[in-house]
Amino acid sequence: MAAGHRGGRHYIDVLAMLLEKTKGNLAPAEQRQLQETVASLRMQFVAITKRMAAQVRKDA
C-alpha cells in the first residue's frame, strides 16, 4: 500500500508541476480544470493518508 501511496503523491506533484509550467498558455477553462483537478486530488490524498495512519494506529 505504501508504494501506491508514494506513486499517488508523485502523480499529483507532476500535475502540479504541469499547472505551473503551463501558466499563461492554457485557455481559462483548461487552467481552471487543471487547478480543480490538482486541488481535488490533494484533498483526496490527505483524506486517504489520514485513514491509513488511523488504521496503522489501530493495528498497533
C-alpha atoms as a PDB file:
ATOM      1  CA  MET A   1       0.000   0.000   0.000  1.00  0.00           C
ATOM      2  CA  ALA A   2       2.821   2.423   0.800  1.00  0.00           C
ATOM      3  CA  ALA A   3       4.286   2.138  -2.702  1.00  0.00           C
ATOM      4  CA  GLY A   4       0.929   3.111  -4.185  1.00  0.00           C
ATOM      5  CA  HIS A   5       0.757   5.959  -1.721  1.00  0.00           C
ATOM      6  CA  ARG A   6       4.121   7.312  -2.918  1.00  0.00           C
ATOM      7  CA  GLY A   7       3.098   6.800  -6.541  1.00  0.00           C
ATOM      8  CA  GLY A   8      -0.099   8.756  -5.997  1.00  0.00           C
ATOM      9  CA  ARG A   9       1.825  11.611  -4.460  1.00  0.00           C
ATOM     10  CA  HIS A  10       4.246  11.576  -7.396  1.00  0.00           C
ATOM     11  CA  TYR A  11       1.470  11.960  -9.974  1.00  0.00           C
ATOM     12  CA  ILE A  12      -0.163  14.764  -8.006  1.00  0.00           C
ATOM     13  CA  ASP A  13       3.208  16.526  -7.938  1.00  0.00           C
ATOM     14  CA  VAL A  14       3.616  16.024 -11.706  1.00  0.00           C
ATOM     15  CA  LEU A  15       0.185  17.564 -12.346  1.00  0.00           C
ATOM     16  CA  ALA A  16       1.038  20.474 -10.053  1.00  0.00           C
ATOM     17  CA  MET A  17       4.274  20.993 -11.986  1.00  0.00           C
ATOM     18  CA  LEU A  18       2.337  20.997 -15.257  1.00  0.00           C
ATOM     19  CA  LEU A  19      -0.015  23.549 -13.770  1.00  0.00           C
ATOM     20  CA  GLU A  20       2.924  25.855 -13.044  1.00  0.00           C
ATOM     21  CA  LYS A  21       4.684  25.240 -16.366  1.00  0.00           C
ATOM     22  CA  THR A  22       1.557  25.898 -18.440  1.00  0.00           C
ATOM     23  CA  LYS A  23       0.533  29.110 -16.661  1.00  0.00           C
ATOM     24  CA  GLY A  24      -0.500  31.614 -19.282  1.00  0.00           C
ATOM     25  CA  ASN A  25      -0.523  29.016 -22.055  1.00  0.00           C
ATOM     26  CA  LEU A  26      -3.881  27.396 -21.405  1.00  0.00           C
ATOM     27  CA  ALA A  27      -7.363  28.605 -22.089  1.00  0.00           C
ATOM     28  CA  PRO A  28      -9.051  29.842 -18.904  1.00  0.00           C
ATOM     29  CA  ALA A  29     -11.325  26.779 -18.808  1.00  0.00           C
ATOM     30  CA  GLU A  30      -8.336  24.448 -19.174  1.00  0.00           C
ATOM     31  CA  GLN A  31      -6.415  26.263 -16.443  1.00  0.00           C
ATOM     32  CA  ARG A  32      -9.405  26.129 -14.104  1.00  0.00           C
ATOM     33  CA  GLN A  33      -9.969  22.429 -14.796  1.00  0.00           C
ATOM     34  CA  LEU A  34      -6.338  21.579 -14.100  1.00  0.00           C
ATOM     35  CA  GLN A  35      -6.369  23.666 -10.905  1.00  0.00           C
ATOM     36  CA  GLU A  36      -9.554  21.975  -9.698  1.00  0.00           C
ATOM     37  CA  THR A  37      -8.169  18.530 -10.514  1.00  0.00           C
ATOM     38  CA  VAL A  38      -4.951  19.133  -8.599  1.00  0.00           C
ATOM     39  CA  ALA A  39      -6.848  20.575  -5.616  1.00  0.00           C
ATOM     40  CA  SER A  40      -9.283  17.664  -5.565  1.00  0.00           C
ATOM     41  CA  LEU A  41      -6.520  15.077  -5.801  1.00  0.00           C
ATOM     42  CA  ARG A  42      -4.610  16.774  -2.988  1.00  0.00           C
ATOM     43  CA  MET A  43      -7.681  16.714  -0.739  1.00  0.00           C
ATOM     44  CA  GLN A  44      -8.309  13.050  -1.533  1.00  0.00           C
ATOM     45  CA  PHE A  45      -4.641  12.252  -0.883  1.00  0.00           C
ATOM     46  CA  VAL A  46      -4.797  13.895   2.539  1.00  0.00           C
ATOM     47  CA  ALA A  47      -8.002  12.033   3.426  1.00  0.00           C
ATOM     48  CA  ILE A  48      -6.529   8.678   2.385  1.00  0.00           C
ATOM     49  CA  THR A  49      -3.290   9.406   4.252  1.00  0.00           C
ATOM     50  CA  LYS A  50      -5.263  10.165   7.417  1.00  0.00           C
ATOM     51  CA  ARG A  51      -7.270   6.951   7.062  1.00  0.00           C
ATOM     52  CA  MET A  52      -4.090   4.928   6.540  1.00  0.00           C
ATOM     53  CA  ALA A  53      -2.468   6.497   9.606  1.00  0.00           C
ATOM     54  CA  ALA A  54      -5.560   5.792  11.708  1.00  0.00           C
ATOM     55  CA  GLN A  55      -5.543   2.171  10.550  1.00  0.00           C
ATOM     56  CA  VAL A  56      -1.865   1.810  11.447  1.00  0.00           C
ATOM     57  CA  ARG A  57      -2.523   3.227  14.915  1.00  0.00           C
ATOM     58  CA  LYS A  58      -5.493   0.885  15.324  1.00  0.00           C
ATOM     59  CA  ASP A  59      -3.452  -2.149  14.270  1.00  0.00           C
ATOM     60  CA  ALA A  60      -0.508  -1.250  16.532  1.00  0.00           C
END
